[in-house]
Amino acid sequence: MPPSRLPEPELYLPGTGEPSLRWGIVGPGWIAGEFASALRSHTAQRVVAVSSRSRARAERFATGHGIEHALGTTEQLVTHPEVDVVYVATPQSEHLDIGLAAIAAGKHVLIEKPITVTAAEARKLADAARSAGVLVMEAMWSRYLPQASVIRRLLADGALGEVRAVFADHGQAITADPGHRLHRPELGGGALLDLGIYPAQFSSMVLGAPTRVVAVGGMTETGVDAYSTLVLSHGDGAQSTLYSSILTRTPTTAVIAGSEATITVDGAFYTPTSFTLAPSDDPSGPVLTWSDPTGLRRFDGLSWEATALARFVGEGRTESPVHTLEETVSILATIDQARAQLAAF
């Protein structure tokens, strides 16, 4: 039976006992700017350093965000004595090397999605983090949003009955410029790694790792996946259908269809948003609507993952309990299979 009311979200609220960590940012691009702004406005965390291969670029970023130290190399940042945790916001092709350097320097690490380009690389990072006893976490901000905790509680409580299907999409109209990072295979380009990872992680959160992966789609002239549909089998008749594209904008919604109830998450499902819960067998039955009560919108939601990481560090954890390293590796293994199938067309 669907519930008569929705559970309260678990919130990673600032100032609830988590340490105020000192952050260093590698890669002062657009997402790093959104992250720094979210930390400054909505957390008890502090960005104290930024590095770039271009010292001038680091200095401009530092000036714009009130950051004390502007550095010219990754090595200077990861070994800086005032940095507790490193946020990696470079192209994904650099994530492994920078992550390993930060781990070797004894720093905690938050790495933008995808954490690495392949599952094998992610496994290498996970093993290094465990050996060093530091926390490494993929910056999958969607997992730490209030709506995600409500959905997980509904699933754990059996409110949907048996989950039969997951549908999710993420398409954006990216420039066709072959020099753009998403068109460049050497930078880990393509729709799946950059956009499709959001539907993939959503499916994993709901149904776990698939037992079979089937991918159909097309490639760009530069050799990266341009668009694809993934059909994942999960056993017991459950499937996920996931679409990603760098050619066109799509609704970016998500659906979890169960035998008792269906959740429909409004677009963009991977950002702070709302969802409805409706009975599966009665189209005229009662519909429950959930909307984010916190007032944080769009990229302000990046703050939740930063406070969550600080809380986990304060608890002595070496990985996220809601997005473990094993699951992070597993999601990339699914994407590995899909990319291999698309490349073989």
C-alpha atoms as a PDB file:
ATOM      1  CA  MET A   1       0.000   0.000   0.000  1.00  0.00           C
ATOM      2  CA  PRO A   2       1.317   3.481  -0.799  1.00  0.00           C
ATOM      3  CA  PRO A   3       1.772   5.571   2.356  1.00  0.00           C
ATOM      4  CA  SER A   4      -0.699   8.259   3.437  1.00  0.00           C
ATOM      5  CA  ARG A   5       2.144  10.739   3.979  1.00  0.00           C
ATOM      6  CA  LEU A   6       5.730  11.091   2.846  1.00  0.00           C
ATOM      7  CA  PRO A   7       8.730  10.700   5.181  1.00  0.00           C
ATOM      8  CA  GLU A   8      10.857  13.636   6.248  1.00  0.00           C
ATOM      9  CA  PRO A   9      14.155  14.087   4.385  1.00  0.00           C
ATOM     10  CA  GLU A  10      17.533  13.452   5.965  1.00  0.00           C
ATOM     11  CA  LEU A  11      19.342  16.776   5.716  1.00  0.00           C
ATOM     12  CA  TYR A  12      23.096  17.327   5.810  1.00  0.00           C
ATOM     13  CA  LEU A  13      22.625  20.597   7.631  1.00  0.00           C
ATOM     14  CA  PRO A  14      25.687  22.742   8.341  1.00  0.00           C
ATOM     15  CA  GLY A  15      26.720  23.343  11.924  1.00  0.00           C
ATOM     16  CA  THR A  16      25.417  20.019  13.225  1.00  0.00           C
ATOM     17  CA  GLY A  17      28.702  18.739  14.604  1.00  0.00           C
ATOM     18  CA  GLU A  18      30.681  18.243  11.397  1.00  0.00           C
ATOM     19  CA  PRO A  19      34.230  19.654  11.311  1.00  0.00           C
ATOM     20  CA  SER A  20      34.869  22.859   9.370  1.00  0.00           C
ATOM     21  CA  LEU A  21      37.379  21.540   6.862  1.00  0.00           C
ATOM     22  CA  ARG A  22      39.779  23.570   4.775  1.00  0.00           C
ATOM     23  CA  TRP A  23      39.277  22.857   1.074  1.00  0.00           C
ATOM     24  CA  GLY A  24      41.568  23.179  -1.901  1.00  0.00           C
ATOM     25  CA  ILE A  25      40.186  23.212  -5.451  1.00  0.00           C
ATOM     26  CA  VAL A  26      42.054  21.771  -8.428  1.00  0.00           C
ATOM     27  CA  GLY A  27      40.691  23.079 -11.708  1.00  0.00           C
ATOM     28  CA  PRO A  28      39.046  26.529 -11.444  1.00  0.00           C
ATOM     29  CA  GLY A  29      36.375  26.044 -14.106  1.00  0.00           C
ATOM     30  CA  TRP A  30      32.630  26.629 -14.183  1.00  0.00           C
ATOM     31  CA  ILE A  31      31.557  23.809 -11.846  1.00  0.00           C
ATOM     32  CA  ALA A  32      34.322  24.719  -9.393  1.00  0.00           C
ATOM     33  CA  GLY A  33      32.918  28.235  -9.259  1.00  0.00           C
ATOM     34  CA  GLU A  34      29.421  26.936  -8.507  1.00  0.00           C
ATOM     35  CA  PHE A  35      30.879  24.643  -5.843  1.00  0.00           C
ATOM     36  CA  ALA A  36      32.886  27.417  -4.181  1.00  0.00           C
ATOM     37  CA  SER A  37      29.829  29.686  -4.114  1.00  0.00           C
ATOM     38  CA  ALA A  38      27.648  26.970  -2.605  1.00  0.00           C
ATOM     39  CA  LEU A  39      30.213  26.247   0.113  1.00  0.00           C
ATOM     40  CA  ARG A  40      30.600  29.895   1.000  1.00  0.00           C
ATOM     41  CA  SER A  41      26.837  30.534   1.193  1.00  0.00           C
ATOM     42  CA  HIS A  42      25.443  27.320   2.623  1.00  0.00           C
ATOM     43  CA  THR A  43      28.068  25.400   4.628  1.00  0.00           C
ATOM     44  CA  ALA A  44      30.531  25.724   7.475  1.00  0.00           C
ATOM     45  CA  GLN A  45      33.324  24.642   5.094  1.00  0.00           C
ATOM     46  CA  ARG A  46      36.115  26.961   3.869  1.00  0.00           C
ATOM     47  CA  VAL A  47      37.903  27.081   0.531  1.00  0.00           C
ATOM     48  CA  VAL A  48      41.453  28.193   1.290  1.00  0.00           C
ATOM     49  CA  ALA A  49      43.372  27.347  -1.895  1.00  0.00           C
ATOM     50  CA  VAL A  50      42.942  26.858  -5.641  1.00  0.00           C
ATOM     51  CA  SER A  51      45.378  25.586  -8.260  1.00  0.00           C
ATOM     52  CA  SER A  52      45.578  25.689 -12.032  1.00  0.00           C
ATOM     53  CA  ARG A  53      48.246  25.097 -14.641  1.00  0.00           C
ATOM     54  CA  SER A  54      47.672  28.782 -15.360  1.00  0.00           C
ATOM     55  CA  ARG A  55      48.691  30.700 -12.258  1.00  0.00           C
ATOM     56  CA  ALA A  56      46.858  33.761 -13.608  1.00  0.00           C
ATOM     57  CA  ARG A  57      43.645  31.772 -13.913  1.00  0.00           C
ATOM     58  CA  ALA A  58      44.015  30.524 -10.343  1.00  0.00           C
ATOM     59  CA  GLU A  59      44.563  34.082  -9.159  1.00  0.00           C
ATOM     60  CA  ARG A  60      41.433  35.342 -10.945  1.00  0.00           C
ATOM     61  CA  PHE A  61      39.372  32.536  -9.415  1.00  0.00           C
ATOM     62  CA  ALA A  62      40.825  33.183  -5.958  1.00  0.00           C
ATOM     63  CA  THR A  63      40.050  36.888  -6.191  1.00  0.00           C
ATOM     64  CA  GLY A  64      36.485  36.204  -7.323  1.00  0.00           C
ATOM     65  CA  HIS A  65      35.774  33.775  -4.513  1.00  0.00           C
ATOM     66  CA  GLY A  66      37.761  35.240  -1.645  1.00  0.00           C
ATOM     67  CA  ILE A  67      40.331  32.434  -1.570  1.00  0.00           C
ATOM     68  CA  GLU A  68      43.663  33.096   0.119  1.00  0.00           C
ATOM     69  CA  HIS A  69      46.080  30.889  -1.827  1.00  0.00           C
ATOM     70  CA  ALA A  70      46.339  30.773  -5.647  1.00  0.00           C
ATOM     71  CA  LEU A  71      48.784  28.072  -6.726  1.00  0.00           C
ATOM     72  CA  GLY A  72      50.329  27.085 -10.039  1.00  0.00           C
ATOM     73  CA  THR A  73      50.577  23.297  -9.670  1.00  0.00           C
ATOM     74  CA  THR A  74      48.535  20.407  -8.359  1.00  0.00           C
ATOM     75  CA  GLU A  75      51.485  19.273  -6.266  1.00  0.00           C
ATOM     76  CA  GLN A  76      51.570  22.601  -4.446  1.00  0.00           C
ATOM     77  CA  LEU A  77      47.879  22.314  -3.614  1.00  0.00           C
ATOM     78  CA  VAL A  78      47.723  18.684  -2.481  1.00  0.00           C
ATOM     79  CA  THR A  79      50.755  19.138  -0.236  1.00  0.00           C
ATOM     80  CA  HIS A  80      49.680  22.514   1.148  1.00  0.00           C
ATOM     81  CA  PRO A  81      49.653  22.338   4.970  1.00  0.00           C
ATOM     82  CA  GLU A  82      46.426  24.345   5.242  1.00  0.00           C
ATOM     83  CA  VAL A  83      44.404  22.012   2.977  1.00  0.00           C
ATOM     84  CA  ASP A  84      42.416  19.166   4.589  1.00  0.00           C
ATOM     85  CA  VAL A  85      40.369  18.032   1.594  1.00  0.00           C
ATOM     86  CA  VAL A  86      40.921  18.355  -2.154  1.00  0.00           C
ATOM     87  CA  TYR A  87      38.059  18.963  -4.580  1.00  0.00           C
ATOM     88  CA  VAL A  88      38.990  17.802  -8.101  1.00  0.00           C
ATOM     89  CA  ALA A  89      37.124  19.639 -10.865  1.00  0.00           C
ATOM     90  CA  THR A  90      39.382  19.003 -13.863  1.00  0.00           C
ATOM     91  CA  PRO A  91      38.463  17.000 -16.991  1.00  0.00           C
ATOM     92  CA  GLN A  92      37.839  13.393 -15.994  1.00  0.00           C
ATOM     93  CA  SER A  93      40.942  12.173 -17.796  1.00  0.00           C
ATOM     94  CA  GLU A  94      42.968  13.803 -14.996  1.00  0.00           C
ATOM     95  CA  HIS A  95      40.927  12.537 -12.049  1.00  0.00           C
ATOM     96  CA  LEU A  96      42.938   9.393 -11.360  1.00  0.00           C
ATOM     97  CA  ASP A  97      46.363  11.035 -11.226  1.00  0.00           C
ATOM     98  CA  ILE A  98      45.192  14.008  -9.153  1.00  0.00           C
ATOM     99  CA  GLY A  99      43.209  11.769  -6.824  1.00  0.00           C
ATOM    100  CA  LEU A 100      46.202   9.508  -6.249  1.00  0.00           C
ATOM    101  CA  ALA A 101      48.444  12.515  -5.593  1.00  0.00           C
ATOM    102  CA  ALA A 102      46.011  13.879  -3.004  1.00  0.00           C
ATOM    103  CA  ILE A 103      45.686  10.476  -1.336  1.00  0.00           C
ATOM    104  CA  ALA A 104      49.477  10.107  -1.215  1.00  0.00           C
ATOM    105  CA  ALA A 105      49.622  13.504   0.499  1.00  0.00           C
ATOM    106  CA  GLY A 106      47.183  12.274   3.154  1.00  0.00           C
ATOM    107  CA  LYS A 107      44.258  14.448   2.028  1.00  0.00           C
ATOM    108  CA  HIS A 108      40.585  13.564   1.836  1.00  0.00           C
ATOM    109  CA  VAL A 109      39.291  13.862  -1.722  1.00  0.00           C
ATOM    110  CA  LEU A 110      36.017  14.804  -3.410  1.00  0.00           C
ATOM    111  CA  ILE A 111      36.242  14.107  -7.141  1.00  0.00           C
ATOM    112  CA  GLU A 112      33.739  15.370  -9.673  1.00  0.00           C
ATOM    113  CA  LYS A 113      31.708  12.792 -11.518  1.00  0.00           C
ATOM    114  CA  PRO A 114      32.729  10.566 -13.107  1.00  0.00           C
ATOM    115  CA  ILE A 115      35.273   9.787 -10.419  1.00  0.00           C
ATOM    116  CA  THR A 116      37.477   8.299 -13.162  1.00  0.00           C
ATOM    117  CA  VAL A 117      37.079   7.282 -16.808  1.00  0.00           C
ATOM    118  CA  THR A 118      36.874   3.517 -16.187  1.00  0.00           C
ATOM    119  CA  ALA A 119      35.949   1.089 -13.454  1.00  0.00           C
ATOM    120  CA  ALA A 120      39.544  -0.171 -13.291  1.00  0.00           C
ATOM    121  CA  GLU A 121      40.767   3.351 -12.559  1.00  0.00           C
ATOM    122  CA  ALA A 122      38.074   3.819  -9.919  1.00  0.00           C
ATOM    123  CA  ARG A 123      39.130   0.549  -8.273  1.00  0.00           C
ATOM    124  CA  LYS A 124      42.726   1.812  -8.160  1.00  0.00           C
ATOM    125  CA  LEU A 125      41.599   4.991  -6.411  1.00  0.00           C
ATOM    126  CA  ALA A 126      39.433   3.078  -3.953  1.00  0.00           C
ATOM    127  CA  ASP A 127      42.262   0.710  -3.058  1.00  0.00           C
ATOM    128  CA  ALA A 128      44.679   3.603  -2.545  1.00  0.00           C
ATOM    129  CA  ALA A 129      42.215   5.458  -0.321  1.00  0.00           C
ATOM    130  CA  ARG A 130      41.588   2.438   1.847  1.00  0.00           C
ATOM    131  CA  SER A 131      45.306   1.797   2.240  1.00  0.00           C
ATOM    132  CA  ALA A 132      45.908   5.429   3.212  1.00  0.00           C
ATOM    133  CA  GLY A 133      42.899   5.641   5.529  1.00  0.00           C
ATOM    134  CA  VAL A 134      41.525   8.811   3.920  1.00  0.00           C
ATOM    135  CA  LEU A 135      38.034   9.474   2.628  1.00  0.00           C
ATOM    136  CA  VAL A 136      37.530   9.513  -1.126  1.00  0.00           C
ATOM    137  CA  MET A 137      34.094  10.277  -2.534  1.00  0.00           C
ATOM    138  CA  GLU A 138      32.640  10.874  -5.967  1.00  0.00           C
ATOM    139  CA  ALA A 139      30.919  14.257  -6.174  1.00  0.00           C
ATOM    140  CA  MET A 140      27.599  12.677  -7.098  1.00  0.00           C
ATOM    141  CA  TRP A 141      25.654  15.542  -5.551  1.00  0.00           C
ATOM    142  CA  SER A 142      22.303  13.979  -6.479  1.00  0.00           C
ATOM    143  CA  ARG A 143      22.735  11.338  -3.752  1.00  0.00           C
ATOM    144  CA  TYR A 144      22.910  13.984  -1.009  1.00  0.00           C
ATOM    145  CA  LEU A 145      19.919  16.070  -2.069  1.00  0.00           C
ATOM    146  CA  PRO A 146      16.914  15.965   0.284  1.00  0.00           C
ATOM    147  CA  GLN A 147      14.704  14.247  -2.305  1.00  0.00           C
ATOM    148  CA  ALA A 148      17.136  11.340  -2.624  1.00  0.00           C
ATOM    149  CA  SER A 149      16.836  10.488   1.065  1.00  0.00           C
ATOM    150  CA  VAL A 150      13.025  10.554   0.863  1.00  0.00           C
ATOM    151  CA  ILE A 151      13.032   8.259  -2.171  1.00  0.00           C
ATOM    152  CA  ARG A 152      15.447   5.854  -0.487  1.00  0.00           C
ATOM    153  CA  ARG A 153      13.197   5.709   2.587  1.00  0.00           C
ATOM    154  CA  LEU A 154      10.116   4.988   0.456  1.00  0.00           C
ATOM    155  CA  LEU A 155      11.992   2.171  -1.289  1.00  0.00           C
ATOM    156  CA  ALA A 156      13.273   0.736   1.997  1.00  0.00           C
ATOM    157  CA  ASP A 157       9.764   0.842   3.460  1.00  0.00           C
ATOM    158  CA  GLY A 158       8.340  -1.043   0.477  1.00  0.00           C
ATOM    159  CA  ALA A 159       5.973   1.808  -0.378  1.00  0.00           C
ATOM    160  CA  LEU A 160       6.230   1.047  -4.102  1.00  0.00           C
ATOM    161  CA  GLY A 161       5.836  -2.702  -3.778  1.00  0.00           C
ATOM    162  CA  GLU A 162       8.028  -4.613  -6.217  1.00  0.00           C
ATOM    163  CA  VAL A 163       9.968  -2.207  -8.421  1.00  0.00           C
ATOM    164  CA  ARG A 164       9.419  -3.226 -12.040  1.00  0.00           C
ATOM    165  CA  ALA A 165      11.025  -0.454 -14.042  1.00  0.00           C
ATOM    166  CA  VAL A 166      13.217   2.649 -13.886  1.00  0.00           C
ATOM    167  CA  PHE A 167      13.264   5.292 -16.610  1.00  0.00           C
ATOM    168  CA  ALA A 168      15.660   8.250 -16.640  1.00  0.00           C
ATOM    169  CA  ASP A 169      17.186  10.571 -19.216  1.00  0.00           C
ATOM    170  CA  HIS A 170      19.753  13.318 -19.482  1.00  0.00           C
ATOM    171  CA  GLY A 171      20.368  15.051 -22.768  1.00  0.00           C
ATOM    172  CA  GLN A 172      21.913  18.440 -23.472  1.00  0.00           C
ATOM    173  CA  ALA A 173      22.563  20.237 -26.745  1.00  0.00           C
ATOM    174  CA  ILE A 174      26.340  20.527 -26.533  1.00  0.00           C
ATOM    175  CA  THR A 175      28.247  22.505 -29.149  1.00  0.00           C
ATOM    176  CA  ALA A 176      29.414  20.451 -32.119  1.00  0.00           C
ATOM    177  CA  ASP A 177      32.893  21.977 -31.855  1.00  0.00           C
ATOM    178  CA  PRO A 178      35.298  18.990 -32.044  1.00  0.00           C
ATOM    179  CA  GLY A 179      37.580  20.833 -29.638  1.00  0.00           C
ATOM    180  CA  HIS A 180      34.982  20.823 -26.868  1.00  0.00           C
ATOM    181  CA  ARG A 181      36.002  18.473 -24.041  1.00  0.00           C
ATOM    182  CA  LEU A 182      32.882  16.311 -24.483  1.00  0.00           C
ATOM    183  CA  HIS A 183      33.894  15.586 -28.086  1.00  0.00           C
ATOM    184  CA  ARG A 184      37.454  14.615 -27.185  1.00  0.00           C
ATOM    185  CA  PRO A 185      38.071  10.947 -26.311  1.00  0.00           C
ATOM    186  CA  GLU A 186      41.438  11.717 -24.715  1.00  0.00           C
ATOM    187  CA  LEU A 187      39.608  13.866 -22.127  1.00  0.00           C
ATOM    188  CA  GLY A 188      37.027  11.182 -21.335  1.00  0.00           C
ATOM    189  CA  GLY A 189      34.376  12.801 -23.534  1.00  0.00           C
ATOM    190  CA  GLY A 190      31.010  11.489 -24.615  1.00  0.00           C
ATOM    191  CA  ALA A 191      27.465  11.604 -23.319  1.00  0.00           C
ATOM    192  CA  LEU A 192      27.607   8.576 -21.032  1.00  0.00           C
ATOM    193  CA  LEU A 193      30.464   9.590 -18.763  1.00  0.00           C
ATOM    194  CA  ASP A 194      29.406  13.204 -18.373  1.00  0.00           C
ATOM    195  CA  LEU A 195      25.593  13.079 -18.549  1.00  0.00           C
ATOM    196  CA  GLY A 196      24.529   9.430 -18.665  1.00  0.00           C
ATOM    197  CA  ILE A 197      26.154   8.778 -15.324  1.00  0.00           C
ATOM    198  CA  TYR A 198      23.215  10.574 -13.666  1.00  0.00           C
ATOM    199  CA  PRO A 199      20.582   8.134 -14.973  1.00  0.00           C
ATOM    200  CA  ALA A 200      23.006   5.259 -14.319  1.00  0.00           C
ATOM    201  CA  GLN A 201      23.502   6.204 -10.677  1.00  0.00           C
ATOM    202  CA  PHE A 202      19.738   6.693 -10.253  1.00  0.00           C
ATOM    203  CA  SER A 203      19.097   3.190 -11.563  1.00  0.00           C
ATOM    204  CA  SER A 204      21.816   1.812  -9.301  1.00  0.00           C
ATOM    205  CA  MET A 205      20.336   3.544  -6.255  1.00  0.00           C
ATOM    206  CA  VAL A 206      16.962   1.949  -6.954  1.00  0.00           C
ATOM    207  CA  LEU A 207      17.767  -1.496  -8.379  1.00  0.00           C
ATOM    208  CA  GLY A 208      21.474  -2.050  -7.806  1.00  0.00           C
ATOM    209  CA  ALA A 209      23.927  -3.406 -10.352  1.00  0.00           C
ATOM    210  CA  PRO A 210      22.438  -4.886 -13.525  1.00  0.00           C
ATOM    211  CA  THR A 211      22.806  -8.498 -14.574  1.00  0.00           C
ATOM    212  CA  ARG A 212      22.868  -7.534 -18.263  1.00  0.00           C
ATOM    213  CA  VAL A 213      23.642  -4.359 -20.217  1.00  0.00           C
ATOM    214  CA  VAL A 214      22.403  -3.680 -23.747  1.00  0.00           C
ATOM    215  CA  ALA A 215      23.358  -0.364 -25.395  1.00  0.00           C
ATOM    216  CA  VAL A 216      22.334   1.083 -28.746  1.00  0.00           C
ATOM    217  CA  GLY A 217      23.254   4.511 -30.041  1.00  0.00           C
ATOM    218  CA  GLY A 218      25.678   6.457 -32.176  1.00  0.00           C
ATOM    219  CA  MET A 219      29.124   8.005 -32.107  1.00  0.00           C
ATOM    220  CA  THR A 220      30.509  11.400 -33.043  1.00  0.00           C
ATOM    221  CA  GLU A 221      33.080  11.822 -35.802  1.00  0.00           C
ATOM    222  CA  THR A 222      35.663  12.346 -33.057  1.00  0.00           C
ATOM    223  CA  GLY A 223      34.994   8.882 -31.616  1.00  0.00           C
ATOM    224  CA  VAL A 224      32.899   9.469 -28.487  1.00  0.00           C
ATOM    225  CA  ASP A 225      29.337   8.350 -27.818  1.00  0.00           C
ATOM    226  CA  ALA A 226      26.892  11.026 -28.993  1.00  0.00           C
ATOM    227  CA  TYR A 227      23.654   9.396 -27.805  1.00  0.00           C
ATOM    228  CA  SER A 228      22.520   6.049 -26.488  1.00  0.00           C
ATOM    229  CA  THR A 229      19.741   4.090 -24.885  1.00  0.00           C
ATOM    230  CA  LEU A 230      20.764   1.558 -22.244  1.00  0.00           C
ATOM    231  CA  VAL A 231      18.460  -1.277 -21.260  1.00  0.00           C
ATOM    232  CA  LEU A 232      19.615  -2.841 -18.010  1.00  0.00           C
ATOM    233  CA  SER A 233      18.245  -6.120 -16.694  1.00  0.00           C
ATOM    234  CA  HIS A 234      18.159  -6.565 -12.924  1.00  0.00           C
ATOM    235  CA  GLY A 235      16.566  -9.984 -12.477  1.00  0.00           C
ATOM    236  CA  ASP A 236      13.014 -10.797 -11.318  1.00  0.00           C
ATOM    237  CA  GLY A 237      11.617  -8.978 -14.347  1.00  0.00           C
ATOM    238  CA  ALA A 238      12.962  -5.517 -13.428  1.00  0.00           C
ATOM    239  CA  GLN A 239      14.545  -3.296 -16.084  1.00  0.00           C
ATOM    240  CA  SER A 240      16.020   0.174 -16.383  1.00  0.00           C
ATOM    241  CA  THR A 241      15.803   2.234 -19.572  1.00  0.00           C
ATOM    242  CA  LEU A 242      18.316   5.075 -19.589  1.00  0.00           C
ATOM    243  CA  TYR A 243      18.926   7.681 -22.294  1.00  0.00           C
ATOM    244  CA  SER A 244      21.744  10.193 -22.682  1.00  0.00           C
ATOM    245  CA  SER A 245      22.750  12.572 -25.458  1.00  0.00           C
ATOM    246  CA  ILE A 246      25.037  15.486 -26.243  1.00  0.00           C
ATOM    247  CA  LEU A 247      23.000  16.280 -29.372  1.00  0.00           C
ATOM    248  CA  THR A 248      19.697  17.452 -27.912  1.00  0.00           C
ATOM    249  CA  ARG A 249      18.038  18.576 -24.698  1.00  0.00           C
ATOM    250  CA  THR A 250      15.678  16.055 -23.126  1.00  0.00           C
ATOM    251  CA  PRO A 251      13.162  16.346 -20.247  1.00  0.00           C
ATOM    252  CA  THR A 252      15.700  15.052 -17.650  1.00  0.00           C
ATOM    253  CA  THR A 253      13.013  13.326 -15.635  1.00  0.00           C
ATOM    254  CA  ALA A 254      13.041   9.992 -13.818  1.00  0.00           C
ATOM    255  CA  VAL A 255      10.399   7.391 -12.991  1.00  0.00           C
ATOM    256  CA  ILE A 256      10.373   4.445 -10.607  1.00  0.00           C
ATOM    257  CA  ALA A 257       7.461   2.129 -11.407  1.00  0.00           C
ATOM    258  CA  GLY A 258       6.423  -0.364  -8.745  1.00  0.00           C
ATOM    259  CA  SER A 259       3.622  -2.878  -8.357  1.00  0.00           C
ATOM    260  CA  GLU A 260       1.924  -0.667  -5.736  1.00  0.00           C
ATOM    261  CA  ALA A 261       3.016   2.880  -6.582  1.00  0.00           C
ATOM    262  CA  THR A 262       5.043   4.980  -9.001  1.00  0.00           C
ATOM    263  CA  ILE A 263       7.407   7.859  -8.276  1.00  0.00           C
ATOM    264  CA  THR A 264       7.799  10.519 -10.967  1.00  0.00           C
ATOM    265  CA  VAL A 265      10.698  12.903 -10.377  1.00  0.00           C
ATOM    266  CA  ASP A 266      10.427  16.272 -12.096  1.00  0.00           C
ATOM    267  CA  GLY A 267      13.232  17.608 -14.257  1.00  0.00           C
ATOM    268  CA  ALA A 268      16.000  18.109 -13.734  1.00  0.00           C
ATOM    269  CA  PHE A 269      15.820  14.982 -11.582  1.00  0.00           C
ATOM    270  CA  TYR A 270      19.480  15.165 -10.541  1.00  0.00           C
ATOM    271  CA  THR A 271      19.092  18.676  -9.057  1.00  0.00           C
ATOM    272  CA  PRO A 272      16.932  19.937  -6.167  1.00  0.00           C
ATOM    273  CA  THR A 273      13.398  19.296  -7.430  1.00  0.00           C
ATOM    274  CA  SER A 274      10.009  17.755  -6.614  1.00  0.00           C
ATOM    275  CA  PHE A 275       8.333  14.410  -7.195  1.00  0.00           C
ATOM    276  CA  THR A 276       4.950  12.714  -6.987  1.00  0.00           C
ATOM    277  CA  LEU A 277       3.942   9.346  -5.590  1.00  0.00           C
ATOM    278  CA  ALA A 278       0.840   7.825  -7.162  1.00  0.00           C
ATOM    279  CA  PRO A 279      -0.848   4.429  -6.814  1.00  0.00           C
ATOM    280  CA  SER A 280      -0.107   2.075  -9.691  1.00  0.00           C
ATOM    281  CA  ASP A 281      -3.532   0.451  -9.924  1.00  0.00           C
ATOM    282  CA  ASP A 282      -5.815   3.491  -9.625  1.00  0.00           C
ATOM    283  CA  PRO A 283      -5.208   6.495 -11.911  1.00  0.00           C
ATOM    284  CA  SER A 284      -7.743   8.492  -9.910  1.00  0.00           C
ATOM    285  CA  GLY A 285      -6.260   7.539  -6.539  1.00  0.00           C
ATOM    286  CA  PRO A 286      -4.580   9.932  -4.121  1.00  0.00           C
ATOM    287  CA  VAL A 287      -1.342  11.520  -5.321  1.00  0.00           C
ATOM    288  CA  LEU A 288       1.275  12.692  -2.846  1.00  0.00           C
ATOM    289  CA  THR A 289       3.577  15.519  -3.912  1.00  0.00           C
ATOM    290  CA  TRP A 290       6.956  16.270  -2.371  1.00  0.00           C
ATOM    291  CA  SER A 291       8.818  19.534  -2.914  1.00  0.00           C
ATOM    292  CA  ASP A 292      12.219  20.455  -1.515  1.00  0.00           C
ATOM    293  CA  PRO A 293      11.462  22.403   1.688  1.00  0.00           C
ATOM    294  CA  THR A 294      14.926  23.881   2.175  1.00  0.00           C
ATOM    295  CA  GLY A 295      14.823  26.719  -0.321  1.00  0.00           C
ATOM    296  CA  LEU A 296      18.105  25.631  -1.931  1.00  0.00           C
ATOM    297  CA  ARG A 297      17.808  25.569  -5.698  1.00  0.00           C
ATOM    298  CA  ARG A 298      19.985  24.574  -8.610  1.00  0.00           C
ATOM    299  CA  PHE A 299      23.694  24.529  -7.810  1.00  0.00           C
ATOM    300  CA  ASP A 300      23.194  25.669  -4.230  1.00  0.00           C
ATOM    301  CA  GLY A 301      22.490  21.948  -3.832  1.00  0.00           C
ATOM    302  CA  LEU A 302      26.207  21.231  -4.221  1.00  0.00           C
ATOM    303  CA  SER A 303      26.506  22.291  -0.601  1.00  0.00           C
ATOM    304  CA  TRP A 304      24.816  19.124   0.640  1.00  0.00           C
ATOM    305  CA  GLU A 305      27.615  16.840  -0.605  1.00  0.00           C
ATOM    306  CA  ALA A 306      30.289  19.047   0.987  1.00  0.00           C
ATOM    307  CA  THR A 307      28.614  19.009   4.396  1.00  0.00           C
ATOM    308  CA  ALA A 308      28.025  15.272   4.019  1.00  0.00           C
ATOM    309  CA  LEU A 309      31.723  14.685   3.348  1.00  0.00           C
ATOM    310  CA  ALA A 310      32.663  16.739   6.402  1.00  0.00           C
ATOM    311  CA  ARG A 311      30.212  14.769   8.530  1.00  0.00           C
ATOM    312  CA  PHE A 312      31.643  11.478   7.283  1.00  0.00           C
ATOM    313  CA  VAL A 313      35.191  12.663   8.036  1.00  0.00           C
ATOM    314  CA  GLY A 314      34.071  13.665  11.535  1.00  0.00           C
ATOM    315  CA  GLU A 315      32.614  10.194  12.003  1.00  0.00           C
ATOM    316  CA  GLY A 316      35.911   8.602  10.986  1.00  0.00           C
ATOM    317  CA  ARG A 317      34.570   7.123   7.761  1.00  0.00           C
ATOM    318  CA  THR A 318      36.692   6.467   4.686  1.00  0.00           C
ATOM    319  CA  GLU A 319      33.802   6.381   2.208  1.00  0.00           C
ATOM    320  CA  SER A 320      30.247   7.594   1.798  1.00  0.00           C
ATOM    321  CA  PRO A 321      27.579   5.299   3.250  1.00  0.00           C
ATOM    322  CA  VAL A 322      25.013   6.464   0.666  1.00  0.00           C
ATOM    323  CA  HIS A 323      27.297   6.179  -2.378  1.00  0.00           C
ATOM    324  CA  THR A 324      29.988   3.677  -1.521  1.00  0.00           C
ATOM    325  CA  LEU A 325      33.195   3.153  -3.422  1.00  0.00           C
ATOM    326  CA  GLU A 326      32.018  -0.318  -4.430  1.00  0.00           C
ATOM    327  CA  GLU A 327      28.875   1.145  -5.965  1.00  0.00           C
ATOM    328  CA  THR A 328      30.896   3.891  -7.637  1.00  0.00           C
ATOM    329  CA  VAL A 329      33.074   1.235  -9.277  1.00  0.00           C
ATOM    330  CA  SER A 330      30.001  -0.814 -10.227  1.00  0.00           C
ATOM    331  CA  ILE A 331      28.297   2.109 -11.974  1.00  0.00           C
ATOM    332  CA  LEU A 332      31.420   2.753 -14.030  1.00  0.00           C
ATOM    333  CA  ALA A 333      31.565  -0.954 -14.892  1.00  0.00           C
ATOM    334  CA  THR A 334      28.053  -0.631 -16.356  1.00  0.00           C
ATOM    335  CA  ILE A 335      29.154   2.412 -18.362  1.00  0.00           C
ATOM    336  CA  ASP A 336      32.295   0.550 -19.477  1.00  0.00           C
ATOM    337  CA  GLN A 337      30.127  -2.197 -20.961  1.00  0.00           C
ATOM    338  CA  ALA A 338      27.823   0.283 -22.662  1.00  0.00           C
ATOM    339  CA  ARG A 339      30.684   2.318 -24.161  1.00  0.00           C
ATOM    340  CA  ALA A 340      32.335  -0.842 -25.483  1.00  0.00           C
ATOM    341  CA  GLN A 341      29.098  -1.902 -27.195  1.00  0.00           C
ATOM    342  CA  LEU A 342      28.599   1.525 -28.757  1.00  0.00           C
ATOM    343  CA  ALA A 343      32.179   1.677 -30.019  1.00  0.00           C
ATOM    344  CA  ALA A 344      31.707  -1.703 -31.710  1.00  0.00           C
ATOM    345  CA  PHE A 345      28.822  -0.495 -33.903  1.00  0.00           C
END
